[in-house]
């Protein structure tokens, strides 16, 4: 019987934060969002960085060599 192996499937999430925007003349209010500068990389193989500053993210070359192209 063949052995099962977890395939690499790298996913990158950018953390965002949200706040209520100003109220318009028509009384509508929209949510505003912005990036926090944190990312979370995880792979189906079990690799996970948790939320880290984007500046501490491994290089794209290293990630591709270890986990393939991000989905």
N, C-alpha and C. Protein backbone atom coordinates (compact mmCIF):
# COMPACT_ATOMS: atom_id res chain seq x y z
N UNK A 1 0.84 -1.17 0.00
CA UNK A 1 0.00 0.00 0.00
C UNK A 1 0.89 1.25 0.00
N UNK A 2 0.52 2.25 -0.76
CA UNK A 2 1.30 3.49 -0.87
C UNK A 2 1.20 4.30 0.41
N UNK A 3 2.27 5.04 0.70
CA UNK A 3 2.30 5.89 1.89
C UNK A 3 1.73 7.26 1.56
N UNK A 4 0.97 7.84 2.48
CA UNK A 4 0.39 9.17 2.29
C UNK A 4 1.37 10.22 2.79
N UNK A 5 1.48 11.32 2.04
CA UNK A 5 2.39 12.41 2.39
C UNK A 5 1.67 13.74 2.24
N UNK A 6 1.82 14.63 3.21
CA UNK A 6 1.24 15.96 3.10
C UNK A 6 2.00 16.76 2.03
N UNK A 7 1.25 17.32 1.11
CA UNK A 7 1.84 18.14 0.06
C UNK A 7 2.06 19.56 0.56
N UNK A 8 3.03 20.24 -0.02
CA UNK A 8 3.23 21.65 0.31
C UNK A 8 2.16 22.49 -0.37
N UNK A 9 1.64 23.43 0.36
CA UNK A 9 0.68 24.41 -0.17
C UNK A 9 0.83 25.64 0.70
N UNK A 10 1.75 26.50 0.31
CA UNK A 10 2.08 27.69 1.09
C UNK A 10 1.01 28.77 0.89
N UNK A 11 0.58 29.34 1.99
CA UNK A 11 -0.43 30.41 1.97
C UNK A 11 0.12 31.59 2.75
N UNK A 12 -0.11 32.79 2.23
CA UNK A 12 0.35 34.03 2.86
C UNK A 12 -0.87 34.88 3.19
N UNK A 13 -0.97 35.28 4.45
CA UNK A 13 -2.05 36.17 4.89
C UNK A 13 -1.44 37.49 5.32
N UNK A 14 -2.04 38.59 4.87
CA UNK A 14 -1.66 39.93 5.31
C UNK A 14 -2.66 40.37 6.37
N UNK A 15 -2.17 40.77 7.53
CA UNK A 15 -3.07 41.20 8.60
C UNK A 15 -3.57 42.61 8.29
N UNK A 16 -4.87 42.82 8.50
CA UNK A 16 -5.45 44.15 8.32
C UNK A 16 -6.21 44.52 9.59
N UNK A 17 -6.40 45.82 9.75
CA UNK A 17 -7.23 46.30 10.84
C UNK A 17 -8.30 47.21 10.26
N UNK A 18 -9.42 47.30 10.96
CA UNK A 18 -10.58 48.02 10.45
C UNK A 18 -11.06 49.04 11.48
N UNK A 19 -11.56 50.15 10.97
CA UNK A 19 -12.18 51.16 11.83
C UNK A 19 -13.37 51.75 11.09
N UNK A 20 -14.29 52.32 11.82
CA UNK A 20 -15.44 52.97 11.19
C UNK A 20 -14.99 54.27 10.55
N UNK A 21 -15.37 54.48 9.30
CA UNK A 21 -15.03 55.70 8.59
C UNK A 21 -15.97 56.84 8.98
N UNK A 22 -15.73 58.01 8.41
CA UNK A 22 -16.60 59.16 8.71
C UNK A 22 -18.01 58.95 8.15
N UNK A 23 -18.97 59.58 8.77
CA UNK A 23 -20.35 59.52 8.30
C UNK A 23 -20.50 60.51 7.14
N UNK A 24 -21.07 60.03 6.03
CA UNK A 24 -21.24 60.87 4.85
C UNK A 24 -22.44 61.79 5.03
N UNK A 25 -22.62 62.72 4.08
CA UNK A 25 -23.76 63.64 4.10
C UNK A 25 -25.09 62.89 4.04
N UNK A 26 -25.08 61.71 3.47
CA UNK A 26 -26.29 60.89 3.34
C UNK A 26 -26.50 59.99 4.56
N UNK A 27 -25.66 60.12 5.58
CA UNK A 27 -25.80 59.35 6.80
C UNK A 27 -25.21 57.94 6.72
N UNK A 28 -24.44 57.67 5.69
CA UNK A 28 -23.83 56.36 5.54
C UNK A 28 -22.45 56.36 6.20
N UNK A 29 -22.06 55.21 6.65
CA UNK A 29 -20.73 55.06 7.25
C UNK A 29 -20.08 53.80 6.69
N UNK A 30 -18.88 53.94 6.20
CA UNK A 30 -18.15 52.82 5.61
C UNK A 30 -17.00 52.42 6.52
N UNK A 31 -16.62 51.18 6.42
CA UNK A 31 -15.46 50.71 7.17
C UNK A 31 -14.20 51.05 6.39
N UNK A 32 -13.18 51.47 7.09
CA UNK A 32 -11.88 51.72 6.49
C UNK A 32 -10.93 50.63 6.98
N UNK A 33 -10.08 50.14 6.09
CA UNK A 33 -9.11 49.11 6.47
C UNK A 33 -7.71 49.55 6.07
N UNK A 34 -6.73 48.99 6.77
CA UNK A 34 -5.33 49.24 6.41
C UNK A 34 -4.49 48.04 6.85
N UNK A 35 -3.37 47.87 6.17
CA UNK A 35 -2.46 46.79 6.52
C UNK A 35 -1.69 47.15 7.79
N UNK A 36 -1.45 46.15 8.63
CA UNK A 36 -0.72 46.39 9.88
C UNK A 36 0.79 46.23 9.70
N UNK A 37 1.20 45.60 8.58
CA UNK A 37 2.61 45.32 8.37
C UNK A 37 3.02 43.94 8.86
N UNK A 38 2.03 43.15 9.34
CA UNK A 38 2.30 41.79 9.79
C UNK A 38 1.77 40.80 8.77
N UNK A 39 2.47 39.68 8.64
CA UNK A 39 2.06 38.60 7.75
C UNK A 39 2.09 37.27 8.51
N UNK A 40 1.34 36.31 8.00
CA UNK A 40 1.34 34.96 8.57
C UNK A 40 1.50 34.00 7.40
N UNK A 41 2.58 33.25 7.41
CA UNK A 41 2.83 32.24 6.39
C UNK A 41 2.56 30.88 6.99
N UNK A 42 1.83 30.05 6.25
CA UNK A 42 1.63 28.69 6.71
C UNK A 42 1.55 27.75 5.51
N UNK A 43 1.90 26.51 5.77
CA UNK A 43 1.95 25.50 4.72
C UNK A 43 1.24 24.25 5.20
N UNK A 44 0.69 23.53 4.28
CA UNK A 44 0.01 22.28 4.57
C UNK A 44 0.93 21.27 5.25
N UNK A 45 2.25 21.43 5.09
CA UNK A 45 3.20 20.50 5.71
C UNK A 45 3.35 20.73 7.21
N UNK A 46 2.77 21.83 7.73
CA UNK A 46 2.85 22.13 9.16
C UNK A 46 3.65 23.37 9.48
N UNK A 47 4.36 23.92 8.51
CA UNK A 47 5.14 25.14 8.72
C UNK A 47 4.20 26.31 9.00
N UNK A 48 4.52 27.12 10.00
CA UNK A 48 3.73 28.29 10.33
C UNK A 48 4.62 29.32 11.02
N UNK A 49 4.53 30.57 10.60
CA UNK A 49 5.33 31.62 11.22
C UNK A 49 4.60 32.32 12.35
N UNK A 50 3.26 32.21 12.40
CA UNK A 50 2.50 33.07 13.29
C UNK A 50 2.57 34.49 12.71
N UNK A 51 2.01 35.47 13.38
CA UNK A 51 2.05 36.84 12.87
C UNK A 51 3.43 37.42 13.11
N UNK A 52 4.12 37.76 12.03
CA UNK A 52 5.46 38.34 12.11
C UNK A 52 5.51 39.61 11.28
N UNK A 53 6.42 40.54 11.60
CA UNK A 53 6.57 41.72 10.75
C UNK A 53 6.99 41.29 9.34
N UNK A 54 6.45 41.95 8.34
CA UNK A 54 6.78 41.62 6.95
C UNK A 54 8.29 41.64 6.73
N UNK A 55 9.00 42.51 7.44
CA UNK A 55 10.45 42.62 7.28
C UNK A 55 11.19 41.37 7.75
N UNK A 56 10.55 40.52 8.58
CA UNK A 56 11.16 39.28 9.06
C UNK A 56 10.76 38.06 8.23
N UNK A 57 9.98 38.29 7.20
CA UNK A 57 9.51 37.20 6.36
C UNK A 57 10.68 36.57 5.61
N UNK A 58 10.73 35.24 5.52
CA UNK A 58 11.79 34.59 4.73
C UNK A 58 11.76 35.08 3.28
N UNK A 59 12.87 34.98 2.61
CA UNK A 59 12.93 35.46 1.22
C UNK A 59 12.03 34.59 0.33
N UNK A 60 11.51 35.19 -0.74
CA UNK A 60 10.69 34.40 -1.67
C UNK A 60 11.42 33.18 -2.22
N UNK A 61 12.72 33.30 -2.46
CA UNK A 61 13.50 32.18 -2.97
C UNK A 61 13.55 31.03 -1.96
N UNK A 62 13.76 31.36 -0.69
CA UNK A 62 13.78 30.33 0.35
C UNK A 62 12.42 29.64 0.49
N UNK A 63 11.36 30.44 0.49
CA UNK A 63 10.02 29.87 0.63
C UNK A 63 9.68 28.98 -0.56
N UNK A 64 9.99 29.43 -1.75
CA UNK A 64 9.69 28.64 -2.94
C UNK A 64 10.47 27.33 -2.94
N UNK A 65 11.73 27.39 -2.52
CA UNK A 65 12.55 26.18 -2.49
C UNK A 65 12.02 25.17 -1.47
N UNK A 66 11.48 25.65 -0.35
CA UNK A 66 11.03 24.75 0.72
C UNK A 66 9.56 24.33 0.60
N UNK A 67 8.72 25.25 0.03
CA UNK A 67 7.27 25.01 0.08
C UNK A 67 6.55 25.20 -1.25
N UNK A 68 7.22 25.56 -2.30
CA UNK A 68 6.58 25.77 -3.59
C UNK A 68 6.03 27.19 -3.71
N UNK A 69 5.26 27.41 -4.75
CA UNK A 69 4.70 28.74 -5.04
C UNK A 69 3.49 28.99 -4.14
N UNK A 70 3.39 30.19 -3.49
CA UNK A 70 2.23 30.48 -2.62
C UNK A 70 0.91 30.38 -3.39
N UNK A 71 -0.12 29.92 -2.71
CA UNK A 71 -1.44 29.81 -3.33
C UNK A 71 -2.21 31.10 -3.16
